Amino acid sequence: MKKIFFILLCAAVLLKSGFIPNPFAPGTEVVKGYGDETTLYATSWCGYCKKTRELLREHNIPYTEYDIEKSAKGEREYRALDGNGVPLMVINGEVVRGYNPRKILALASP
């Protein structure tokens, strides 16, 4: 019984951290009008937003950022994307919800 609990706990940690894909996550969302851009919708206080910025800088990925609490345009676009948490990104027309380094790098890398 302890072994099963440990396996489930490990799986939950790996899913939450983004190291393995979540089989229950909705499919890829594609939005039109973003072209080959990377746009980040974030806040100044969000730890995962900070990690996303660091990841993008480490990999020299150019991006446009909107602080959804300070930018009216950013908040409008965020709401139009059914924003329900930060970070939220649109990379080459595909929506990434939350901090998912594997997906971010897969979509943003040439």
PDB file of N, CA and C in Angstrom:
ATOM      1  N   MET A   1       0.826  -1.191   0.000  1.00  0.00           N
ATOM      2  CA  MET A   1       0.000   0.000   0.000  1.00  0.00           C
ATOM      3  C   MET A   1       0.872   1.258   0.000  1.00  0.00           C
ATOM      4  N   LYS A   2       1.965   1.250   0.780  1.00  0.00           N
ATOM      5  CA  LYS A   2       2.847   2.398   0.829  1.00  0.00           C
ATOM      6  C   LYS A   2       3.499   2.643  -0.533  1.00  0.00           C
ATOM      7  N   LYS A   3       3.794   1.565  -1.237  1.00  0.00           N
ATOM      8  CA  LYS A   3       4.435   1.686  -2.548  1.00  0.00           C
ATOM      9  C   LYS A   3       3.498   2.368  -3.552  1.00  0.00           C
ATOM     10  N   ILE A   4       2.235   2.011  -3.545  1.00  0.00           N
ATOM     11  CA  ILE A   4       1.255   2.621  -4.449  1.00  0.00           C
ATOM     12  C   ILE A   4       1.088   4.102  -4.121  1.00  0.00           C
ATOM     13  N   PHE A   5       0.992   4.410  -2.826  1.00  0.00           N
ATOM     14  CA  PHE A   5       0.875   5.808  -2.415  1.00  0.00           C
ATOM     15  C   PHE A   5       2.085   6.613  -2.891  1.00  0.00           C
ATOM     16  N   PHE A   6       3.278   6.059  -2.727  1.00  0.00           N
ATOM     17  CA  PHE A   6       4.499   6.740  -3.144  1.00  0.00           C
ATOM     18  C   PHE A   6       4.511   6.976  -4.657  1.00  0.00           C
ATOM     19  N   ILE A   7       4.099   5.988  -5.422  1.00  0.00           N
ATOM     20  CA  ILE A   7       4.054   6.132  -6.882  1.00  0.00           C
ATOM     21  C   ILE A   7       3.062   7.215  -7.287  1.00  0.00           C
ATOM     22  N   LEU A   8       1.892   7.219  -6.668  1.00  0.00           N
ATOM     23  CA  LEU A   8       0.888   8.241  -6.983  1.00  0.00           C
ATOM     24  C   LEU A   8       1.372   9.637  -6.587  1.00  0.00           C
ATOM     25  N   LEU A   9       2.039   9.727  -5.453  1.00  0.00           N
ATOM     26  CA  LEU A   9       2.574  11.011  -5.012  1.00  0.00           C
ATOM     27  C   LEU A   9       3.630  11.516  -5.990  1.00  0.00           C
ATOM     28  N   CYS A  10       4.525  10.639  -6.416  1.00  0.00           N
ATOM     29  CA  CYS A  10       5.561  11.020  -7.395  1.00  0.00           C
ATOM     30  C   CYS A  10       4.933  11.465  -8.711  1.00  0.00           C
ATOM     31  N   ALA A  11       3.933  10.734  -9.167  1.00  0.00           N
ATOM     32  CA  ALA A  11       3.261  11.093 -10.419  1.00  0.00           C
ATOM     33  C   ALA A  11       2.609  12.468 -10.305  1.00  0.00           C
ATOM     34  N   ALA A  12       1.979  12.748  -9.166  1.00  0.00           N
ATOM     35  CA  ALA A  12       1.336  14.043  -8.967  1.00  0.00           C
ATOM     36  C   ALA A  12       2.363  15.169  -8.986  1.00  0.00           C
ATOM     37  N   VAL A  13       3.501  14.954  -8.348  1.00  0.00           N
ATOM     38  CA  VAL A  13       4.557  15.975  -8.323  1.00  0.00           C
ATOM     39  C   VAL A  13       5.095  16.210  -9.727  1.00  0.00           C
ATOM     40  N   LEU A  14       5.321  15.141 -10.486  1.00  0.00           N
ATOM     41  CA  LEU A  14       5.839  15.276 -11.848  1.00  0.00           C
ATOM     42  C   LEU A  14       4.832  15.969 -12.772  1.00  0.00           C
ATOM     43  N   LEU A  15       3.552  15.664 -12.623  1.00  0.00           N
ATOM     44  CA  LEU A  15       2.517  16.330 -13.417  1.00  0.00           C
ATOM     45  C   LEU A  15       2.471  17.816 -13.103  1.00  0.00           C
ATOM     46  N   LYS A  16       2.469  18.148 -11.815  1.00  0.00           N
ATOM     47  CA  LYS A  16       2.365  19.549 -11.392  1.00  0.00           C
ATOM     48  C   LYS A  16       3.568  20.367 -11.846  1.00  0.00           C
ATOM     49  N   SER A  17       4.743  19.740 -11.846  1.00  0.00           N
ATOM     50  CA  SER A  17       5.957  20.467 -12.218  1.00  0.00           C
ATOM     51  C   SER A  17       6.146  20.575 -13.724  1.00  0.00           C
ATOM     52  N   GLY A  18       5.370  19.827 -14.502  1.00  0.00           N
ATOM     53  CA  GLY A  18       5.469  19.913 -15.953  1.00  0.00           C
ATOM     54  C   GLY A  18       6.497  18.974 -16.562  1.00  0.00           C
ATOM     55  N   PHE A  19       7.062  18.081 -15.753  1.00  0.00           N
ATOM     56  CA  PHE A  19       8.060  17.159 -16.290  1.00  0.00           C
ATOM     57  C   PHE A  19       7.438  16.041 -17.119  1.00  0.00           C
ATOM     58  N   ILE A  20       6.187  15.723 -16.847  1.00  0.00           N
ATOM     59  CA  ILE A  20       5.466  14.777 -17.694  1.00  0.00           C
ATOM     60  C   ILE A  20       4.165  15.449 -18.102  1.00  0.00           C
ATOM     61  N   PRO A  21       3.700  15.194 -19.327  1.00  0.00           N
ATOM     62  CA  PRO A  21       2.480  15.865 -19.778  1.00  0.00           C
ATOM     63  C   PRO A  21       1.256  15.364 -19.019  1.00  0.00           C
ATOM     64  N   ASN A  22       0.317  16.248 -18.812  1.00  0.00           N
ATOM     65  CA  ASN A  22      -0.911  15.918 -18.116  1.00  0.00           C
ATOM     66  C   ASN A  22      -1.901  15.298 -19.104  1.00  0.00           C
ATOM     67  N   PRO A  23      -2.240  14.011 -18.933  1.00  0.00           N
ATOM     68  CA  PRO A  23      -3.159  13.365 -19.877  1.00  0.00           C
ATOM     69  C   PRO A  23      -4.578  13.893 -19.776  1.00  0.00           C
ATOM     70  N   PHE A  24      -4.891  14.624 -18.709  1.00  0.00           N
ATOM     71  CA  PHE A  24      -6.232  15.163 -18.523  1.00  0.00           C
ATOM     72  C   PHE A  24      -6.354  16.605 -19.003  1.00  0.00           C
ATOM     73  N   ALA A  25      -5.237  17.189 -19.416  1.00  0.00           N
ATOM     74  CA  ALA A  25      -5.253  18.571 -19.889  1.00  0.00           C
ATOM     75  C   ALA A  25      -5.983  18.646 -21.223  1.00  0.00           C
ATOM     76  N   PRO A  26      -6.672  19.753 -21.470  1.00  0.00           N
ATOM     77  CA  PRO A  26      -7.347  19.897 -22.757  1.00  0.00           C
ATOM     78  C   PRO A  26      -6.326  19.950 -23.893  1.00  0.00           C
ATOM     79  N   GLY A  27      -6.783  19.672 -25.094  1.00  0.00           N
ATOM     80  CA  GLY A  27      -5.904  19.686 -26.265  1.00  0.00           C
ATOM     81  C   GLY A  27      -5.335  21.069 -26.528  1.00  0.00           C
ATOM     82  N   THR A  28      -4.478  21.145 -27.505  1.00  0.00           N
ATOM     83  CA  THR A  28      -3.834  22.401 -27.846  1.00  0.00           C
ATOM     84  C   THR A  28      -4.865  23.387 -28.365  1.00  0.00           C
ATOM     85  N   GLU A  29      -4.835  24.581 -27.823  1.00  0.00           N
ATOM     86  CA  GLU A  29      -5.717  25.645 -28.267  1.00  0.00           C
ATOM     87  C   GLU A  29      -4.955  26.518 -29.258  1.00  0.00           C
ATOM     88  N   VAL A  30      -5.538  26.775 -30.388  1.00  0.00           N
ATOM     89  CA  VAL A  30      -4.908  27.624 -31.389  1.00  0.00           C
ATOM     90  C   VAL A  30      -5.764  28.867 -31.553  1.00  0.00           C
ATOM     91  N   VAL A  31      -5.116  30.029 -31.534  1.00  0.00           N
ATOM     92  CA  VAL A  31      -5.824  31.288 -31.733  1.00  0.00           C
ATOM     93  C   VAL A  31      -5.233  31.992 -32.940  1.00  0.00           C
ATOM     94  N   LYS A  32      -6.077  32.682 -33.654  1.00  0.00           N
ATOM     95  CA  LYS A  32      -5.621  33.387 -34.846  1.00  0.00           C
ATOM     96  C   LYS A  32      -5.216  34.807 -34.507  1.00  0.00           C
ATOM     97  N   GLY A  33      -4.350  35.366 -35.329  1.00  0.00           N
ATOM     98  CA  GLY A  33      -3.973  36.757 -35.183  1.00  0.00           C
ATOM     99  C   GLY A  33      -2.685  36.978 -34.415  1.00  0.00           C
ATOM    100  N   TYR A  34      -2.003  35.920 -34.022  1.00  0.00           N
ATOM    101  CA  TYR A  34      -0.765  36.087 -33.272  1.00  0.00           C
ATOM    102  C   TYR A  34       0.473  35.812 -34.115  1.00  0.00           C
ATOM    103  N   GLY A  35       0.325  35.160 -35.255  1.00  0.00           N
ATOM    104  CA  GLY A  35       1.467  34.909 -36.128  1.00  0.00           C
ATOM    105  C   GLY A  35       2.564  34.137 -35.425  1.00  0.00           C
ATOM    106  N   ASP A  36       3.809  34.521 -35.685  1.00  0.00           N
ATOM    107  CA  ASP A  36       4.968  33.842 -35.109  1.00  0.00           C
ATOM    108  C   ASP A  36       5.497  34.583 -33.897  1.00  0.00           C
ATOM    109  N   GLU A  37       4.620  35.001 -33.026  1.00  0.00           N
ATOM    110  CA  GLU A  37       5.006  35.787 -31.860  1.00  0.00           C
ATOM    111  C   GLU A  37       4.898  34.960 -30.587  1.00  0.00           C
ATOM    112  N   THR A  38       5.557  35.450 -29.547  1.00  0.00           N
ATOM    113  CA  THR A  38       5.393  34.897 -28.210  1.00  0.00           C
ATOM    114  C   THR A  38       4.914  36.035 -27.326  1.00  0.00           C
ATOM    115  N   THR A  39       3.737  35.847 -26.738  1.00  0.00           N
ATOM    116  CA  THR A  39       3.147  36.862 -25.874  1.00  0.00           C
ATOM    117  C   THR A  39       2.900  36.245 -24.506  1.00  0.00           C
ATOM    118  N   LEU A  40       3.323  36.964 -23.476  1.00  0.00           N
ATOM    119  CA  LEU A  40       3.169  36.512 -22.099  1.00  0.00           C
ATOM    120  C   LEU A  40       2.213  37.452 -21.370  1.00  0.00           C
ATOM    121  N   TYR A  41       1.188  36.875 -20.762  1.00  0.00           N
ATOM    122  CA  TYR A  41       0.265  37.628 -19.911  1.00  0.00           C
ATOM    123  C   TYR A  41       0.590  37.213 -18.484  1.00  0.00           C
ATOM    124  N   ALA A  42       0.959  38.187 -17.650  1.00  0.00           N
ATOM    125  CA  ALA A  42       1.504  37.868 -16.337  1.00  0.00           C
ATOM    126  C   ALA A  42       1.154  38.964 -15.338  1.00  0.00           C
ATOM    127  N   THR A  43       1.661  38.788 -14.119  1.00  0.00           N
ATOM    128  CA  THR A  43       1.580  39.810 -13.093  1.00  0.00           C
ATOM    129  C   THR A  43       2.977  39.982 -12.490  1.00  0.00           C
ATOM    130  N   SER A  44       3.170  41.070 -11.784  1.00  0.00           N
ATOM    131  CA  SER A  44       4.485  41.335 -11.202  1.00  0.00           C
ATOM    132  C   SER A  44       4.779  40.455  -9.989  1.00  0.00           C
ATOM    133  N   TRP A  45       3.759  39.970  -9.303  1.00  0.00           N
ATOM    134  CA  TRP A  45       3.934  39.234  -8.060  1.00  0.00           C
ATOM    135  C   TRP A  45       3.955  37.719  -8.224  1.00  0.00           C
ATOM    136  N   CYS A  46       3.668  37.221  -9.409  1.00  0.00           N
ATOM    137  CA  CYS A  46       3.512  35.778  -9.646  1.00  0.00           C
ATOM    138  C   CYS A  46       4.872  35.079  -9.778  1.00  0.00           C
ATOM    139  N   GLY A  47       5.115  34.089  -8.938  1.00  0.00           N
ATOM    140  CA  GLY A  47       6.375  33.344  -8.978  1.00  0.00           C
ATOM    141  C   GLY A  47       6.565  32.551 -10.256  1.00  0.00           C
ATOM    142  N   TYR A  48       5.489  31.943 -10.770  1.00  0.00           N
ATOM    143  CA  TYR A  48       5.606  31.181 -12.011  1.00  0.00           C
ATOM    144  C   TYR A  48       5.789  32.098 -13.217  1.00  0.00           C
ATOM    145  N   CYS A  49       5.264  33.315 -13.129  1.00  0.00           N
ATOM    146  CA  CYS A  49       5.511  34.298 -14.188  1.00  0.00           C
ATOM    147  C   CYS A  49       6.999  34.643 -14.223  1.00  0.00           C
ATOM    148  N   LYS A  50       7.582  34.799 -13.042  1.00  0.00           N
ATOM    149  CA  LYS A  50       9.013  35.085 -12.948  1.00  0.00           C
ATOM    150  C   LYS A  50       9.830  33.941 -13.542  1.00  0.00           C
ATOM    151  N   LYS A  51       9.454  32.705 -13.228  1.00  0.00           N
ATOM    152  CA  LYS A  51      10.156  31.544 -13.779  1.00  0.00           C
ATOM    153  C   LYS A  51      10.004  31.494 -15.300  1.00  0.00           C
ATOM    154  N   THR A  52       8.841  31.886 -15.808  1.00  0.00           N
ATOM    155  CA  THR A  52       8.615  31.901 -17.254  1.00  0.00           C
ATOM    156  C   THR A  52       9.519  32.935 -17.909  1.00  0.00           C
ATOM    157  N   ARG A  53       9.604  34.123 -17.326  1.00  0.00           N
ATOM    158  CA  ARG A  53      10.494  35.165 -17.865  1.00  0.00           C
ATOM    159  C   ARG A  53      11.941  34.669 -17.899  1.00  0.00           C
ATOM    160  N   GLU A  54      12.377  34.046 -16.806  1.00  0.00           N
ATOM    161  CA  GLU A  54      13.747  33.524 -16.731  1.00  0.00           C
ATOM    162  C   GLU A  54      13.992  32.475 -17.808  1.00  0.00           C
ATOM    163  N   LEU A  55      13.029  31.584 -18.008  1.00  0.00           N
ATOM    164  CA  LEU A  55      13.152  30.542 -19.030  1.00  0.00           C
ATOM    165  C   LEU A  55      13.288  31.166 -20.415  1.00  0.00           C
ATOM    166  N   LEU A  56      12.456  32.151 -20.715  1.00  0.00           N
ATOM    167  CA  LEU A  56      12.499  32.807 -22.018  1.00  0.00           C
ATOM    168  C   LEU A  56      13.833  33.521 -22.224  1.00  0.00           C
ATOM    169  N   ARG A  57      14.315  34.208 -21.193  1.00  0.00           N
ATOM    170  CA  ARG A  57      15.616  34.896 -21.297  1.00  0.00           C
ATOM    171  C   ARG A  57      16.764  33.902 -21.459  1.00  0.00           C
ATOM    172  N   GLU A  58      16.760  32.820 -20.678  1.00  0.00           N
ATOM    173  CA  GLU A  58      17.820  31.807 -20.756  1.00  0.00           C
ATOM    174  C   GLU A  58      17.958  31.227 -22.162  1.00  0.00           C
ATOM    175  N   HIS A  59      16.829  31.111 -22.855  1.00  0.00           N
ATOM    176  CA  HIS A  59      16.821  30.508 -24.184  1.00  0.00           C
ATOM    177  C   HIS A  59      16.740  31.550 -25.300  1.00  0.00           C
ATOM    178  N   ASN A  60      16.953  32.817 -24.943  1.00  0.00           N
ATOM    179  CA  ASN A  60      16.957  33.914 -25.920  1.00  0.00           C
ATOM    180  C   ASN A  60      15.714  33.918 -26.801  1.00  0.00           C
ATOM    181  N   ILE A  61      14.573  33.732 -26.180  1.00  0.00           N
ATOM    182  CA  ILE A  61      13.302  33.728 -26.905  1.00  0.00           C
ATOM    183  C   ILE A  61      12.679  35.113 -26.757  1.00  0.00           C
ATOM    184  N   PRO A  62      12.547  35.850 -27.857  1.00  0.00           N
ATOM    185  CA  PRO A  62      11.928  37.181 -27.766  1.00  0.00           C
ATOM    186  C   PRO A  62      10.433  37.059 -27.449  1.00  0.00           C
ATOM    187  N   TYR A  63       9.940  37.967 -26.636  1.00  0.00           N
ATOM    188  CA  TYR A  63       8.527  37.922 -26.274  1.00  0.00           C
ATOM    189  C   TYR A  63       8.028  39.315 -25.925  1.00  0.00           C
ATOM    190  N   THR A  64       6.717  39.443 -25.994  1.00  0.00           N
ATOM    191  CA  THR A  64       6.035  40.657 -25.567  1.00  0.00           C
ATOM    192  C   THR A  64       5.285  40.298 -24.302  1.00  0.00           C
ATOM    193  N   GLU A  65       5.419  41.143 -23.281  1.00  0.00           N
ATOM    194  CA  GLU A  65       4.747  40.856 -22.015  1.00  0.00           C
ATOM    195  C   GLU A  65       3.726  41.934 -21.704  1.00  0.00           C
ATOM    196  N   TYR A  66       2.583  41.489 -21.189  1.00  0.00           N
ATOM    197  CA  TYR A  66       1.559  42.385 -20.685  1.00  0.00           C
ATOM    198  C   TYR A  66       1.299  42.040 -19.225  1.00  0.00           C
ATOM    199  N   ASP A  67       1.417  43.027 -18.355  1.00  0.00           N
ATOM    200  CA  ASP A  67       1.018  42.855 -16.963  1.00  0.00           C
ATOM    201  C   ASP A  67      -0.485  43.094 -16.947  1.00  0.00           C
ATOM    202  N   ILE A  68      -1.240  42.050 -16.695  1.00  0.00           N
ATOM    203  CA  ILE A  68      -2.693  42.150 -16.824  1.00  0.00           C
ATOM    204  C   ILE A  68      -3.334  43.037 -15.759  1.00  0.00           C
ATOM    205  N   GLU A  69      -2.558  43.418 -14.745  1.00  0.00           N
ATOM    206  CA  GLU A  69      -3.081  44.323 -13.719  1.00  0.00           C
ATOM    207  C   GLU A  69      -2.771  45.777 -14.025  1.00  0.00           C
ATOM    208  N   LYS A  70      -1.872  46.013 -14.980  1.00  0.00           N
ATOM    209  CA  LYS A  70      -1.464  47.389 -15.286  1.00  0.00           C
ATOM    210  C   LYS A  70      -1.763  47.807 -16.720  1.00  0.00           C
ATOM    211  N   SER A  71      -2.013  46.860 -17.596  1.00  0.00           N
ATOM    212  CA  SER A  71      -2.239  47.154 -19.009  1.00  0.00           C
ATOM    213  C   SER A  71      -3.675  46.826 -19.392  1.00  0.00           C
ATOM    214  N   ALA A  72      -4.417  47.845 -19.815  1.00  0.00           N
ATOM    215  CA  ALA A  72      -5.805  47.618 -20.233  1.00  0.00           C
ATOM    216  C   ALA A  72      -5.858  46.709 -21.458  1.00  0.00           C
ATOM    217  N   LYS A  73      -4.943  46.938 -22.416  1.00  0.00           N
ATOM    218  CA  LYS A  73      -4.900  46.095 -23.610  1.00  0.00           C
ATOM    219  C   LYS A  73      -4.573  44.649 -23.220  1.00  0.00           C
ATOM    220  N   GLY A  74      -3.591  44.477 -22.334  1.00  0.00           N
ATOM    221  CA  GLY A  74      -3.223  43.143 -21.884  1.00  0.00           C
ATOM    222  C   GLY A  74      -4.367  42.431 -21.188  1.00  0.00           C
ATOM    223  N   GLU A  75      -5.081  43.151 -20.343  1.00  0.00           N
ATOM    224  CA  GLU A  75      -6.221  42.552 -19.643  1.00  0.00           C
ATOM    225  C   GLU A  75      -7.324  42.151 -20.621  1.00  0.00           C
ATOM    226  N   ARG A  76      -7.590  43.000 -21.631  1.00  0.00           N
ATOM    227  CA  ARG A  76      -8.612  42.672 -22.637  1.00  0.00           C
ATOM    228  C   ARG A  76      -8.246  41.396 -23.387  1.00  0.00           C
ATOM    229  N   GLU A  77      -6.983  41.331 -23.850  1.00  0.00           N
ATOM    230  CA  GLU A  77      -6.545  40.155 -24.605  1.00  0.00           C
ATOM    231  C   GLU A  77      -6.567  38.906 -23.723  1.00  0.00           C
ATOM    232  N   TYR A  78      -6.142  39.053 -22.476  1.00  0.00           N
ATOM    233  CA  TYR A  78      -6.145  37.954 -21.514  1.00  0.00           C
ATOM    234  C   TYR A  78      -7.566  37.422 -21.322  1.00  0.00           C
ATOM    235  N   ARG A  79      -8.510  38.311 -21.138  1.00  0.00           N
ATOM    236  CA  ARG A  79      -9.913  37.909 -20.961  1.00  0.00           C
ATOM    237  C   ARG A  79     -10.460  37.251 -22.233  1.00  0.00           C
ATOM    238  N   ALA A  80     -10.081  37.765 -23.407  1.00  0.00           N
ATOM    239  CA  ALA A  80     -10.526  37.181 -24.674  1.00  0.00           C
ATOM    240  C   ALA A  80     -10.010  35.752 -24.848  1.00  0.00           C
ATOM    241  N   LEU A  81      -8.893  35.452 -24.189  1.00  0.00           N
ATOM    242  CA  LEU A  81      -8.324  34.103 -24.236  1.00  0.00           C
ATOM    243  C   LEU A  81      -8.859  33.224 -23.104  1.00  0.00           C
ATOM    244  N   ASP A  82      -9.916  33.691 -22.440  1.00  0.00           N
ATOM    245  CA  ASP A  82     -10.488  32.995 -21.283  1.00  0.00           C
ATOM    246  C   ASP A  82      -9.454  32.801 -20.189  1.00  0.00           C
ATOM    247  N   GLY A  83      -8.694  33.862 -19.937  1.00  0.00           N
ATOM    248  CA  GLY A  83      -7.677  33.822 -18.903  1.00  0.00           C
ATOM    249  C   GLY A  83      -8.268  33.463 -17.558  1.00  0.00           C
ATOM    250  N   ASN A  84      -7.626  32.507 -16.917  1.00  0.00           N
ATOM    251  CA  ASN A  84      -8.116  32.028 -15.633  1.00  0.00           C
ATOM    252  C   ASN A  84      -6.971  31.830 -14.656  1.00  0.00           C
ATOM    253  N   GLY A  85      -5.819  32.365 -14.980  1.00  0.00           N
ATOM    254  CA  GLY A  85      -4.642  32.223 -14.148  1.00  0.00           C
ATOM    255  C   GLY A  85      -3.435  32.704 -14.925  1.00  0.00           C
ATOM    256  N   VAL A  86      -2.364  32.952 -14.216  1.00  0.00           N
ATOM    257  CA  VAL A  86      -1.133  33.381 -14.859  1.00  0.00           C
ATOM    258  C   VAL A  86      -0.022  32.424 -14.459  1.00  0.00           C
ATOM    259  N   PRO A  87       0.970  32.285 -15.283  1.00  0.00           N
ATOM    260  CA  PRO A  87       1.143  32.907 -16.593  1.00  0.00           C
ATOM    261  C   PRO A  87       0.248  32.262 -17.647  1.00  0.00           C
ATOM    262  N   LEU A  88      -0.086  33.042 -18.633  1.00  0.00           N
ATOM    263  CA  LEU A  88      -0.789  32.576 -19.814  1.00  0.00           C
ATOM    264  C   LEU A  88       0.025  33.080 -20.996  1.00  0.00           C
ATOM    265  N   MET A  89       0.298  32.200 -21.942  1.00  0.00           N
ATOM    266  CA  MET A  89       1.115  32.587 -23.098  1.00  0.00           C
ATOM    267  C   MET A  89       0.425  32.198 -24.382  1.00  0.00           C
ATOM    268  N   VAL A  90       0.746  32.942 -25.431  1.00  0.00           N
ATOM    269  CA  VAL A  90       0.392  32.545 -26.784  1.00  0.00           C
ATOM    270  C   VAL A  90       1.713  32.486 -27.536  1.00  0.00           C
ATOM    271  N   ILE A  91       2.040  31.287 -28.026  1.00  0.00           N
ATOM    272  CA  ILE A  91       3.293  31.066 -28.734  1.00  0.00           C
ATOM    273  C   ILE A  91       2.962  30.548 -30.120  1.00  0.00           C
ATOM    274  N   ASN A  92       3.279  31.342 -31.129  1.00  0.00           N
ATOM    275  CA  ASN A  92       2.988  30.970 -32.514  1.00  0.00           C
ATOM    276  C   ASN A  92       1.534  30.543 -32.687  1.00  0.00           C
ATOM    277  N   GLY A  93       0.636  31.250 -32.017  1.00  0.00           N
ATOM    278  CA  GLY A  93      -0.794  30.997 -32.155  1.00  0.00           C
ATOM    279  C   GLY A  93      -1.339  29.922 -31.228  1.00  0.00           C
ATOM    280  N   GLU A  94      -0.495  29.276 -30.437  1.00  0.00           N
ATOM    281  CA  GLU A  94      -0.958  28.228 -29.524  1.00  0.00           C
ATOM    282  C   GLU A  94      -0.927  28.738 -28.090  1.00  0.00           C
ATOM    283  N   VAL A  95      -1.974  28.433 -27.348  1.00  0.00           N
ATOM    284  CA  VAL A  95      -2.120  28.910 -25.974  1.00  0.00           C
ATOM    285  C   VAL A  95      -1.438  27.939 -25.015  1.00  0.00           C
ATOM    286  N   VAL A  96      -0.669  28.493 -24.080  1.00  0.00           N
ATOM    287  CA  VAL A  96      -0.043  27.710 -23.007  1.00  0.00           C
ATOM    288  C   VAL A  96      -0.531  28.301 -21.699  1.00  0.00           C
ATOM    289  N   ARG A  97      -1.207  27.483 -20.913  1.00  0.00           N
ATOM    290  CA  ARG A  97      -1.738  27.924 -19.627  1.00  0.00           C
ATOM    291  C   ARG A  97      -0.849  27.388 -18.510  1.00  0.00           C
ATOM    292  N   GLY A  98      -0.357  28.296 -17.665  1.00  0.00           N
ATOM    293  CA  GLY A  98       0.504  27.892 -16.565  1.00  0.00           C
ATOM    294  C   GLY A  98       1.954  27.764 -17.000  1.00  0.00           C
ATOM    295  N   TYR A  99       2.801  27.427 -16.034  1.00  0.00           N
ATOM    296  CA  TYR A  99       4.230  27.279 -16.288  1.00  0.00           C
ATOM    297  C   TYR A  99       4.492  25.851 -16.749  1.00  0.00           C
ATOM    298  N   ASN A 100       4.796  25.712 -18.041  1.00  0.00           N
ATOM    299  CA  ASN A 100       5.039  24.402 -18.633  1.00  0.00           C
ATOM    300  C   ASN A 100       6.297  24.514 -19.498  1.00  0.00           C
ATOM    301  N   PRO A 101       7.489  24.393 -18.894  1.00  0.00           N
ATOM    302  CA  PRO A 101       8.725  24.640 -19.630  1.00  0.00           C
ATOM    303  C   PRO A 101       8.897  23.782 -20.874  1.00  0.00           C
ATOM    304  N   ARG A 102       8.518  22.522 -20.798  1.00  0.00           N
ATOM    305  CA  ARG A 102       8.673  21.656 -21.982  1.00  0.00           C
ATOM    306  C   ARG A 102       7.839  22.162 -23.159  1.00  0.00           C
ATOM    307  N   LYS A 103       6.593  22.490 -22.891  1.00  0.00           N
ATOM    308  CA  LYS A 103       5.710  22.962 -23.958  1.00  0.00           C
ATOM    309  C   LYS A 103       6.161  24.320 -24.475  1.00  0.00           C
ATOM    310  N   ILE A 104       6.569  25.200 -23.570  1.00  0.00           N
ATOM    311  CA  ILE A 104       7.032  26.526 -23.974  1.00  0.00           C
ATOM    312  C   ILE A 104       8.231  26.400 -24.914  1.00  0.00           C
ATOM    313  N   LEU A 105       9.207  25.605 -24.539  1.00  0.00           N
ATOM    314  CA  LEU A 105      10.400  25.443 -25.362  1.00  0.00           C
ATOM    315  C   LEU A 105      10.091  24.734 -26.673  1.00  0.00           C
ATOM    316  N   ALA A 106       9.201  23.763 -26.631  1.00  0.00           N
ATOM    317  CA  ALA A 106       8.842  23.046 -27.863  1.00  0.00           C
ATOM    318  C   ALA A 106       8.174  23.980 -28.868  1.00  0.00           C
ATOM    319  N   LEU A 107       7.312  24.861 -28.388  1.00  0.00           N
ATOM    320  CA  LEU A 107       6.590  25.767 -29.288  1.00  0.00           C
ATOM    321  C   LEU A 107       7.426  26.960 -29.725  1.00  0.00           C
ATOM    322  N   ALA A 108       8.293  27.465 -28.830  1.00  0.00           N
ATOM    323  CA  ALA A 108       9.010  28.707 -29.114  1.00  0.00           C
ATOM    324  C   ALA A 108      10.355  28.493 -29.785  1.00  0.00           C
ATOM    325  N   SER A 109      10.921  27.310 -29.675  1.00  0.00           N
ATOM    326  CA  SER A 109      12.232  27.070 -30.263  1.00  0.00           C
ATOM    327  C   SER A 109      12.122  26.864 -31.763  1.00  0.00           C
ATOM    328  N   PRO A 110      13.090  27.422 -32.503  1.00  0.00           N
ATOM    329  CA  PRO A 110      13.019  27.298 -33.970  1.00  0.00           C
ATOM    330  C   PRO A 110      13.215  25.882 -34.459  1.00  0.00           C
TER     331      PRO A 110
END
